[in-house]
Structures are given as C-alpha cells and as structure tokens.
Amino acid sequence: MIKEVTGDILLSDSKLIAHCVAPMDHFDSGLALSLREMYPSMVKDFRHYCHSHNPKSGEIWTWGGVGGKQIVNLMAQEAAASSKGGHPGKASISHLDHTLKDLVKFINKEKIDTLAIPKLATGVGGLEWDDVKLSLEKYLGDLDIPVYVYSTYIKGQKAVEQ
C-alpha cells in the first residue's frame, strides 16, 4: 500500500525511515543532513561501518536509534570519486533496485509495520521521479504494510498517515 503524503518525514509515526545515500556519504544535504542533525551517532556509526566494511553502491545499512526509530540507508548513489571525501556521485536505477530488494527482506525479517520514505534519489541522486516511482511500485507495492512516500516536504508539518 503505497500512499503519497505531504509533510515532514522526521515527524512520521513510522518506526522505519529509509533514504538514499552513497558509501562514505557525509550526510551534508537534504534529508541526510536533517538526519545527521537529529541522530549524530548514526553518522558516526555509518562512517565506522564504511571504514571497516567498505560497502558498495547497491547495499543497505540499517541503524536503530532512540525511541525505537530505525533508519535504513539505501546506498543507491555512487561513492565520491576520492576516498578522502568530496561530493557523492549520482544514483542509478540498478543500485536503487538492489537496495529496495534488500529493504523488503529487512522489512519482512524485522516484521516492520510501516515505512516512511522521501522521493528516493531524486535530489542529489539525480534520478527522475517517474522512474523511481516505477521501482517503488515494483518492489514495495506488494508489501502488506503502509508505505508513506513523502512526495512534498513541508518542514514542521506532520503528514496524515492513514
């Protein structure tokens, strides 16, 4: 059940938020920056994970935070060209599809009951929403849980999640 909503994803009642990043991402723009500000320990843990496991694009990394909120980092973007940092590369539908498959496995394994996501990989990732929407429908459309797609961001406004 994919439902588009308007509001601030950080105010979602969903216990799981998924968003797109790149391996070794700095979380310095968009939703990633807001998550970094809200959960600084997540970014520290992500950096440690990246340094010790050298993840590749197309993988996911999950993190559990205070109050039972979980964040799934979908590595749909290419890593920065330099290992010392820089701007991450663009996302690809292929990488996004791999992450969505793993996200579904995670949701089923952990018995997640709701999911909140932004318009994945359409900002810094550079993908077209129509293409991303097709992937979401393909991989998340058959889930037996509500999937709230925050298609319009309004800071501080709680979305109607029903």
N, C-alpha and C. Protein backbone atom coordinates (compact mmCIF):
# COMPACT_ATOMS: atom_id res chain seq x y z
N MET A 1 0.84 -1.19 0.00
CA MET A 1 0.00 0.00 0.00
C MET A 1 0.88 1.24 0.00
N ILE A 2 1.15 1.77 -1.15
CA ILE A 2 1.96 2.97 -1.26
C ILE A 2 1.04 4.18 -1.27
N LYS A 3 1.31 5.09 -0.35
CA LYS A 3 0.49 6.29 -0.22
C LYS A 3 1.39 7.52 -0.22
N GLU A 4 1.10 8.46 -1.10
CA GLU A 4 1.86 9.71 -1.12
C GLU A 4 1.27 10.67 -0.10
N VAL A 5 2.15 11.31 0.67
CA VAL A 5 1.73 12.25 1.70
C VAL A 5 2.56 13.53 1.59
N THR A 6 2.06 14.56 2.25
CA THR A 6 2.74 15.85 2.31
C THR A 6 3.08 16.14 3.76
N GLY A 7 4.32 16.57 4.00
CA GLY A 7 4.72 16.92 5.36
C GLY A 7 6.20 16.70 5.59
N ASP A 8 6.54 16.63 6.86
CA ASP A 8 7.93 16.49 7.31
C ASP A 8 8.16 15.04 7.73
N ILE A 9 8.97 14.32 6.98
CA ILE A 9 9.20 12.90 7.24
C ILE A 9 9.78 12.66 8.63
N LEU A 10 10.48 13.64 9.18
CA LEU A 10 11.06 13.47 10.51
C LEU A 10 9.99 13.44 11.61
N LEU A 11 8.77 13.82 11.27
CA LEU A 11 7.66 13.76 12.22
C LEU A 11 6.79 12.54 12.00
N SER A 12 7.22 11.64 11.13
CA SER A 12 6.45 10.44 10.82
C SER A 12 6.29 9.55 12.04
N ASP A 13 5.14 8.89 12.12
CA ASP A 13 4.92 7.89 13.17
C ASP A 13 5.54 6.55 12.82
N SER A 14 5.98 6.39 11.58
CA SER A 14 6.61 5.13 11.16
C SER A 14 7.86 4.89 11.98
N LYS A 15 8.05 3.64 12.34
CA LYS A 15 9.25 3.28 13.10
C LYS A 15 10.46 3.11 12.18
N LEU A 16 10.20 3.09 10.86
CA LEU A 16 11.29 2.91 9.90
C LEU A 16 11.25 4.01 8.85
N ILE A 17 12.38 4.67 8.70
CA ILE A 17 12.57 5.66 7.64
C ILE A 17 13.71 5.15 6.76
N ALA A 18 13.50 5.15 5.46
CA ALA A 18 14.55 4.78 4.52
C ALA A 18 14.87 5.99 3.65
N HIS A 19 16.14 6.17 3.33
CA HIS A 19 16.54 7.28 2.46
C HIS A 19 17.80 6.85 1.71
N CYS A 20 18.16 7.61 0.69
CA CYS A 20 19.31 7.25 -0.15
C CYS A 20 20.55 8.06 0.22
N VAL A 21 21.67 7.36 0.20
CA VAL A 21 22.98 7.96 0.43
C VAL A 21 23.98 7.27 -0.49
N ALA A 22 25.22 7.65 -0.37
CA ALA A 22 26.33 6.99 -1.07
C ALA A 22 27.23 6.35 -0.03
N PRO A 23 27.99 5.31 -0.41
CA PRO A 23 29.00 4.82 0.51
C PRO A 23 29.92 5.98 0.91
N MET A 24 30.28 6.05 2.17
CA MET A 24 31.14 7.10 2.72
C MET A 24 30.49 8.49 2.68
N ASP A 25 29.19 8.55 2.59
CA ASP A 25 28.46 9.82 2.49
C ASP A 25 28.75 10.69 3.72
N HIS A 26 28.70 12.00 3.52
CA HIS A 26 28.92 12.94 4.62
C HIS A 26 27.62 13.45 5.23
N PHE A 27 26.47 13.06 4.67
CA PHE A 27 25.18 13.49 5.19
C PHE A 27 25.14 15.01 5.29
N ASP A 28 25.47 15.69 4.20
CA ASP A 28 25.59 17.14 4.28
C ASP A 28 24.54 17.92 3.48
N SER A 29 23.49 17.23 3.01
CA SER A 29 22.42 17.98 2.34
C SER A 29 21.10 17.22 2.43
N GLY A 30 20.03 17.95 2.26
CA GLY A 30 18.69 17.36 2.21
C GLY A 30 18.31 16.60 3.47
N LEU A 31 17.58 15.52 3.27
CA LEU A 31 17.12 14.69 4.39
C LEU A 31 18.30 14.11 5.16
N ALA A 32 19.36 13.74 4.46
CA ALA A 32 20.54 13.19 5.14
C ALA A 32 21.09 14.17 6.17
N LEU A 33 21.13 15.45 5.82
CA LEU A 33 21.61 16.46 6.76
C LEU A 33 20.67 16.57 7.97
N SER A 34 19.38 16.54 7.72
CA SER A 34 18.42 16.59 8.83
C SER A 34 18.57 15.37 9.74
N LEU A 35 18.79 14.21 9.15
CA LEU A 35 19.00 13.00 9.96
C LEU A 35 20.31 13.10 10.73
N ARG A 36 21.35 13.67 10.12
CA ARG A 36 22.62 13.85 10.82
C ARG A 36 22.44 14.75 12.05
N GLU A 37 21.65 15.82 11.87
CA GLU A 37 21.41 16.73 12.99
C GLU A 37 20.59 16.07 14.09
N MET A 38 19.64 15.24 13.71
CA MET A 38 18.77 14.57 14.67
C MET A 38 19.46 13.38 15.34
N TYR A 39 20.26 12.65 14.56
CA TYR A 39 20.90 11.42 15.04
C TYR A 39 22.40 11.46 14.73
N PRO A 40 23.17 12.31 15.41
CA PRO A 40 24.61 12.39 15.10
C PRO A 40 25.34 11.07 15.31
N SER A 41 24.86 10.25 16.24
CA SER A 41 25.54 8.97 16.47
C SER A 41 25.35 8.03 15.28
N MET A 42 24.26 8.18 14.53
CA MET A 42 24.05 7.36 13.34
C MET A 42 25.16 7.62 12.32
N VAL A 43 25.48 8.89 12.11
CA VAL A 43 26.50 9.23 11.13
C VAL A 43 27.86 8.71 11.58
N LYS A 44 28.14 8.82 12.86
CA LYS A 44 29.41 8.29 13.40
C LYS A 44 29.47 6.78 13.18
N ASP A 45 28.37 6.08 13.46
CA ASP A 45 28.32 4.63 13.26
C ASP A 45 28.44 4.28 11.77
N PHE A 46 27.81 5.07 10.91
CA PHE A 46 27.88 4.83 9.47
C PHE A 46 29.32 4.97 8.97
N ARG A 47 29.99 6.01 9.40
CA ARG A 47 31.39 6.20 8.99
C ARG A 47 32.27 5.04 9.45
N HIS A 48 32.05 4.61 10.68
CA HIS A 48 32.82 3.47 11.20
C HIS A 48 32.54 2.23 10.35
N TYR A 49 31.27 1.99 10.04
CA TYR A 49 30.88 0.85 9.22
C TYR A 49 31.56 0.93 7.84
N CYS A 50 31.51 2.10 7.23
CA CYS A 50 32.10 2.26 5.91
C CYS A 50 33.61 2.02 5.92
N HIS A 51 34.29 2.51 6.95
CA HIS A 51 35.75 2.33 7.04
C HIS A 51 36.11 0.87 7.29
N SER A 52 35.28 0.16 8.03
CA SER A 52 35.62 -1.22 8.35
C SER A 52 35.08 -2.24 7.35
N HIS A 53 34.03 -1.90 6.58
CA HIS A 53 33.43 -2.87 5.67
C HIS A 53 33.52 -2.48 4.19
N ASN A 54 33.87 -1.25 3.89
CA ASN A 54 34.00 -0.78 2.51
C ASN A 54 32.78 -1.17 1.65
N PRO A 55 31.58 -0.69 2.03
CA PRO A 55 30.37 -1.08 1.29
C PRO A 55 30.38 -0.53 -0.13
N LYS A 56 29.60 -1.17 -0.96
CA LYS A 56 29.48 -0.79 -2.36
C LYS A 56 28.09 -0.22 -2.62
N SER A 57 27.98 0.53 -3.69
CA SER A 57 26.68 1.03 -4.10
C SER A 57 25.77 -0.16 -4.38
N GLY A 58 24.51 -0.02 -3.99
CA GLY A 58 23.54 -1.10 -4.14
C GLY A 58 23.29 -1.86 -2.85
N GLU A 59 24.05 -1.53 -1.79
CA GLU A 59 23.86 -2.19 -0.49
C GLU A 59 23.05 -1.29 0.44
N ILE A 60 22.61 -1.87 1.55
CA ILE A 60 21.92 -1.08 2.58
C ILE A 60 22.67 -1.20 3.90
N TRP A 61 22.44 -0.23 4.76
CA TRP A 61 22.96 -0.27 6.13
C TRP A 61 21.85 0.24 7.04
N THR A 62 21.56 -0.51 8.08
CA THR A 62 20.47 -0.14 8.99
C THR A 62 21.03 0.33 10.32
N TRP A 63 20.27 1.20 10.95
CA TRP A 63 20.67 1.76 12.23
C TRP A 63 19.43 1.91 13.11
N GLY A 64 19.54 1.53 14.38
CA GLY A 64 18.46 1.68 15.34
C GLY A 64 18.75 2.81 16.29
N GLY A 65 17.80 3.70 16.45
CA GLY A 65 18.01 4.88 17.28
C GLY A 65 17.17 4.91 18.53
N VAL A 66 17.20 6.04 19.16
CA VAL A 66 16.46 6.27 20.40
C VAL A 66 14.97 6.19 20.10
N GLY A 67 14.22 5.60 21.02
CA GLY A 67 12.78 5.54 20.88
C GLY A 67 12.30 4.51 19.88
N GLY A 68 13.16 3.60 19.48
CA GLY A 68 12.77 2.54 18.57
C GLY A 68 12.75 2.92 17.10
N LYS A 69 13.12 4.14 16.76
CA LYS A 69 13.16 4.57 15.35
C LYS A 69 14.34 3.88 14.67
N GLN A 70 14.12 3.36 13.47
CA GLN A 70 15.18 2.75 12.68
C GLN A 70 15.34 3.52 11.38
N ILE A 71 16.58 3.62 10.93
CA ILE A 71 16.90 4.29 9.68
C ILE A 71 17.58 3.28 8.77
N VAL A 72 17.10 3.16 7.54
CA VAL A 72 17.76 2.32 6.55
C VAL A 72 18.39 3.25 5.53
N ASN A 73 19.69 3.15 5.41
CA ASN A 73 20.46 3.93 4.45
C ASN A 73 20.62 3.10 3.19
N LEU A 74 19.93 3.52 2.15
CA LEU A 74 19.96 2.84 0.86
C LEU A 74 21.10 3.44 0.03
N MET A 75 22.15 2.69 -0.18
CA MET A 75 23.31 3.23 -0.89
C MET A 75 23.10 3.11 -2.40
N ALA A 76 22.19 3.95 -2.91
CA ALA A 76 21.84 3.93 -4.33
C ALA A 76 22.75 4.84 -5.15
N GLN A 77 23.52 5.68 -4.48
CA GLN A 77 24.43 6.60 -5.18
C GLN A 77 25.83 6.02 -5.24
N GLU A 78 26.59 6.49 -6.22
CA GLU A 78 28.00 6.13 -6.31
C GLU A 78 28.76 6.88 -5.21
N ALA A 79 29.81 6.26 -4.72
CA ALA A 79 30.67 6.91 -3.73
C ALA A 79 31.38 8.10 -4.38
N ALA A 80 31.85 9.01 -3.55
CA ALA A 80 32.65 10.13 -4.05
C ALA A 80 33.87 9.59 -4.79
N ALA A 81 34.34 10.33 -5.77
CA ALA A 81 35.48 9.89 -6.58
C ALA A 81 36.74 9.72 -5.75
N SER A 82 36.88 10.52 -4.71
CA SER A 82 38.06 10.45 -3.86
C SER A 82 37.71 9.77 -2.54
N SER A 83 38.57 8.90 -2.08
CA SER A 83 38.33 8.23 -0.79
C SER A 83 38.43 9.21 0.37
N LYS A 84 38.99 10.38 0.12
CA LYS A 84 39.12 11.39 1.17
C LYS A 84 37.88 12.28 1.26
N GLY A 85 36.90 12.01 0.43
CA GLY A 85 35.67 12.79 0.51
C GLY A 85 35.30 13.39 -0.82
N GLY A 86 34.52 14.43 -0.77
CA GLY A 86 34.01 15.04 -1.97
C GLY A 86 32.53 14.74 -2.09
N HIS A 87 31.96 15.23 -3.17
CA HIS A 87 30.53 15.03 -3.36
C HIS A 87 30.26 13.62 -3.88
N PRO A 88 29.20 12.99 -3.37
CA PRO A 88 28.87 11.66 -3.87
C PRO A 88 28.45 11.73 -5.33
N GLY A 89 28.53 10.60 -6.00
CA GLY A 89 28.10 10.52 -7.39
C GLY A 89 26.59 10.41 -7.47
N LYS A 90 26.12 10.21 -8.66
CA LYS A 90 24.68 10.09 -8.91
C LYS A 90 24.20 8.68 -8.59
N ALA A 91 22.91 8.58 -8.39
CA ALA A 91 22.27 7.29 -8.17
C ALA A 91 21.98 6.63 -9.51
N SER A 92 21.72 5.34 -9.46
CA SER A 92 21.27 4.64 -10.66
C SER A 92 20.06 3.79 -10.28
N ILE A 93 19.20 3.55 -11.26
CA ILE A 93 18.03 2.70 -11.02
C ILE A 93 18.48 1.30 -10.62
N SER A 94 19.56 0.82 -11.21
CA SER A 94 20.07 -0.51 -10.87
C SER A 94 20.45 -0.59 -9.39
N HIS A 95 21.20 0.40 -8.91
CA HIS A 95 21.57 0.41 -7.48
C HIS A 95 20.34 0.56 -6.61
N LEU A 96 19.41 1.44 -7.01
CA LEU A 96 18.19 1.63 -6.24
C LEU A 96 17.41 0.33 -6.15
N ASP A 97 17.28 -0.37 -7.27
CA ASP A 97 16.54 -1.63 -7.26
C ASP A 97 17.17 -2.65 -6.31
N HIS A 98 18.50 -2.74 -6.32
CA HIS A 98 19.18 -3.66 -5.39
C HIS A 98 18.87 -3.29 -3.94
N THR A 99 18.90 -2.00 -3.65
CA THR A 99 18.64 -1.59 -2.26
C THR A 99 17.19 -1.85 -1.88
N LEU A 100 16.27 -1.65 -2.80
CA LEU A 100 14.86 -1.89 -2.50
C LEU A 100 14.58 -3.37 -2.25
N LYS A 101 15.24 -4.25 -2.99
CA LYS A 101 15.09 -5.69 -2.74
C LYS A 101 15.55 -6.02 -1.32
N ASP A 102 16.70 -5.48 -0.93
CA ASP A 102 17.21 -5.72 0.43
C ASP A 102 16.33 -5.08 1.48
N LEU A 103 15.77 -3.93 1.17
CA LEU A 103 14.85 -3.27 2.10
C LEU A 103 13.64 -4.15 2.37
N VAL A 104 13.08 -4.75 1.34
CA VAL A 104 11.92 -5.64 1.50
C VAL A 104 12.29 -6.83 2.39
N LYS A 105 13.47 -7.41 2.17
CA LYS A 105 13.92 -8.52 3.02
C LYS A 105 14.02 -8.08 4.47
N PHE A 106 14.58 -6.89 4.69
CA PHE A 106 14.71 -6.36 6.05
C PHE A 106 13.34 -6.16 6.69
N ILE A 107 12.42 -5.55 5.96
CA ILE A 107 11.07 -5.30 6.48
C ILE A 107 10.39 -6.61 6.88
N ASN A 108 10.50 -7.62 6.03
CA ASN A 108 9.88 -8.90 6.34
C ASN A 108 10.55 -9.60 7.52
N LYS A 109 11.87 -9.57 7.56
CA LYS A 109 12.61 -10.22 8.65
C LYS A 109 12.31 -9.56 10.00
N GLU A 110 12.29 -8.24 10.01
CA GLU A 110 12.11 -7.49 11.26
C GLU A 110 10.63 -7.24 11.60
N LYS A 111 9.74 -7.69 10.72
CA LYS A 111 8.30 -7.51 10.93
C LYS A 111 7.92 -6.04 11.14
N ILE A 112 8.45 -5.19 10.27
CA ILE A 112 8.18 -3.76 10.30
C ILE A 112 6.72 -3.54 9.89
N ASP A 113 6.04 -2.61 10.56
CA ASP A 113 4.61 -2.42 10.26
C ASP A 113 4.29 -1.16 9.45
N THR A 114 5.23 -0.24 9.30
CA THR A 114 5.06 0.93 8.44
C THR A 114 6.43 1.40 7.97
N LEU A 115 6.45 2.09 6.84
CA LEU A 115 7.68 2.62 6.28
C LEU A 115 7.42 4.03 5.78
N ALA A 116 8.34 4.93 6.07
CA ALA A 116 8.29 6.29 5.53
C ALA A 116 9.53 6.50 4.68
N ILE A 117 9.32 7.05 3.47
CA ILE A 117 10.43 7.32 2.56
C ILE A 117 10.18 8.65 1.86
N PRO A 118 11.26 9.34 1.49
CA PRO A 118 11.11 10.53 0.64
C PRO A 118 11.03 10.09 -0.82
N LYS A 119 11.03 11.04 -1.72
CA LYS A 119 11.14 10.73 -3.15
C LYS A 119 12.60 10.32 -3.39
N LEU A 120 12.87 9.04 -3.18
CA LEU A 120 14.22 8.49 -3.15
C LEU A 120 15.06 8.88 -4.36
N ALA A 121 16.28 9.32 -4.08
CA ALA A 121 17.34 9.54 -5.09
C ALA A 121 16.98 10.57 -6.15
N THR A 122 16.01 11.44 -5.87
CA THR A 122 15.62 12.44 -6.87
C THR A 122 16.25 13.80 -6.61
N GLY A 123 16.88 13.96 -5.46
CA GLY A 123 17.57 15.22 -5.18
C GLY A 123 19.02 15.11 -5.65
N VAL A 124 19.92 14.94 -4.69
CA VAL A 124 21.34 14.79 -5.01
C VAL A 124 21.57 13.59 -5.92
N GLY A 125 20.76 12.55 -5.76
CA GLY A 125 20.91 11.34 -6.57
C GLY A 125 20.66 11.54 -8.05
N GLY A 126 19.83 12.53 -8.38
CA GLY A 126 19.63 12.91 -9.78
C GLY A 126 18.69 12.06 -10.61
N LEU A 127 17.95 11.14 -9.98
CA LEU A 127 17.02 10.31 -10.75
C LEU A 127 15.70 11.04 -10.99
N GLU A 128 14.99 10.60 -12.00
CA GLU A 128 13.67 11.15 -12.30
C GLU A 128 12.62 10.44 -11.45
N TRP A 129 11.69 11.22 -10.90
CA TRP A 129 10.68 10.67 -10.01
C TRP A 129 9.84 9.59 -10.70
N ASP A 130 9.49 9.77 -11.96
CA ASP A 130 8.68 8.77 -12.66
C ASP A 130 9.39 7.41 -12.71
N ASP A 131 10.71 7.42 -12.89
CA ASP A 131 11.48 6.17 -12.91
C ASP A 131 11.56 5.55 -11.52
N VAL A 132 11.79 6.39 -10.52
CA VAL A 132 11.87 5.91 -9.14
C VAL A 132 10.53 5.33 -8.71
N LYS A 133 9.46 6.01 -9.07
CA LYS A 133 8.11 5.57 -8.69
C LYS A 133 7.83 4.17 -9.24
N LEU A 134 8.27 3.89 -10.46
CA LEU A 134 8.09 2.55 -11.03
C LEU A 134 8.82 1.50 -10.20
N SER A 135 10.03 1.81 -9.76
CA SER A 135 10.79 0.88 -8.91
C SER A 135 10.10 0.68 -7.57
N LEU A 136 9.60 1.76 -6.99
CA LEU A 136 8.89 1.64 -5.71
C LEU A 136 7.68 0.74 -5.85
N GLU A 137 6.92 0.94 -6.90
CA GLU A 137 5.73 0.11 -7.11
C GLU A 137 6.13 -1.35 -7.34
N LYS A 138 7.20 -1.58 -8.08
CA LYS A 138 7.64 -2.94 -8.36
C LYS A 138 8.08 -3.68 -7.10
N TYR A 139 8.86 -3.02 -6.25
CA TYR A 139 9.44 -3.71 -5.09
C TYR A 139 8.66 -3.52 -3.79
N LEU A 140 8.02 -2.38 -3.61
CA LEU A 140 7.32 -2.13 -2.35
C LEU A 140 5.80 -2.24 -2.47
N GLY A 141 5.30 -2.28 -3.68
CA GLY A 141 3.85 -2.27 -3.91
C GLY A 141 3.11 -3.47 -3.34
N ASP A 142 3.79 -4.61 -3.22
CA ASP A 142 3.12 -5.80 -2.71
C ASP A 142 3.30 -6.00 -1.21
N LEU A 143 3.98 -5.09 -0.54
CA LEU A 143 4.12 -5.20 0.91
C LEU A 143 2.74 -5.06 1.56
N ASP A 144 2.54 -5.78 2.64
CA ASP A 144 1.28 -5.72 3.37
C ASP A 144 1.29 -4.66 4.46
N ILE A 145 2.11 -3.65 4.27
CA ILE A 145 2.20 -2.56 5.25
C ILE A 145 2.03 -1.23 4.51
N PRO A 146 1.63 -0.19 5.24
CA PRO A 146 1.60 1.13 4.60
C PRO A 146 3.02 1.63 4.32
N VAL A 147 3.22 2.12 3.11
CA VAL A 147 4.48 2.77 2.71
C VAL A 147 4.12 4.21 2.41
N TYR A 148 4.58 5.12 3.26
CA TYR A 148 4.27 6.54 3.10
C TYR A 148 5.41 7.21 2.35
N VAL A 149 5.10 7.69 1.16
CA VAL A 149 6.07 8.40 0.35
C VAL A 149 5.85 9.89 0.56
N TYR A 150 6.81 10.53 1.18
CA TYR A 150 6.74 11.97 1.42
C TYR A 150 7.12 12.68 0.12
N SER A 151 6.09 12.90 -0.71
CA SER A 151 6.34 13.46 -2.04
C SER A 151 6.48 14.98 -2.02
N THR A 152 5.92 15.62 -1.01
CA THR A 152 6.07 17.07 -0.86
C THR A 152 6.51 17.35 0.57
N TYR A 153 7.65 17.99 0.71
CA TYR A 153 8.22 18.29 2.03
C TYR A 153 7.72 19.64 2.52
N ILE A 154 7.18 19.64 3.73
CA ILE A 154 6.82 20.88 4.41
C ILE A 154 7.37 20.78 5.83
N LYS A 155 8.43 21.52 6.09
CA LYS A 155 9.11 21.47 7.38
C LYS A 155 8.13 21.76 8.52
N GLY A 156 8.19 20.90 9.53
CA GLY A 156 7.38 21.08 10.74
C GLY A 156 5.93 20.65 10.61
N GLN A 157 5.51 20.19 9.46
CA GLN A 157 4.12 19.76 9.28
C GLN A 157 4.03 18.25 9.35
N LYS A 158 3.23 17.76 10.25
CA LYS A 158 3.01 16.31 10.39
C LYS A 158 2.05 15.87 9.28
N ALA A 159 2.43 14.84 8.58
CA ALA A 159 1.60 14.30 7.50
C ALA A 159 0.47 13.46 8.08
N VAL A 160 -0.59 13.34 7.32
CA VAL A 160 -1.69 12.44 7.68
C VAL A 160 -1.34 11.07 7.16
N GLU A 161 -0.97 10.19 8.08
CA GLU A 161 -0.60 8.81 7.74
C GLU A 161 -1.77 7.91 8.16
N GLN A 162 -2.53 7.45 7.18
CA GLN A 162 -3.68 6.58 7.49
C GLN A 162 -3.66 5.37 6.61
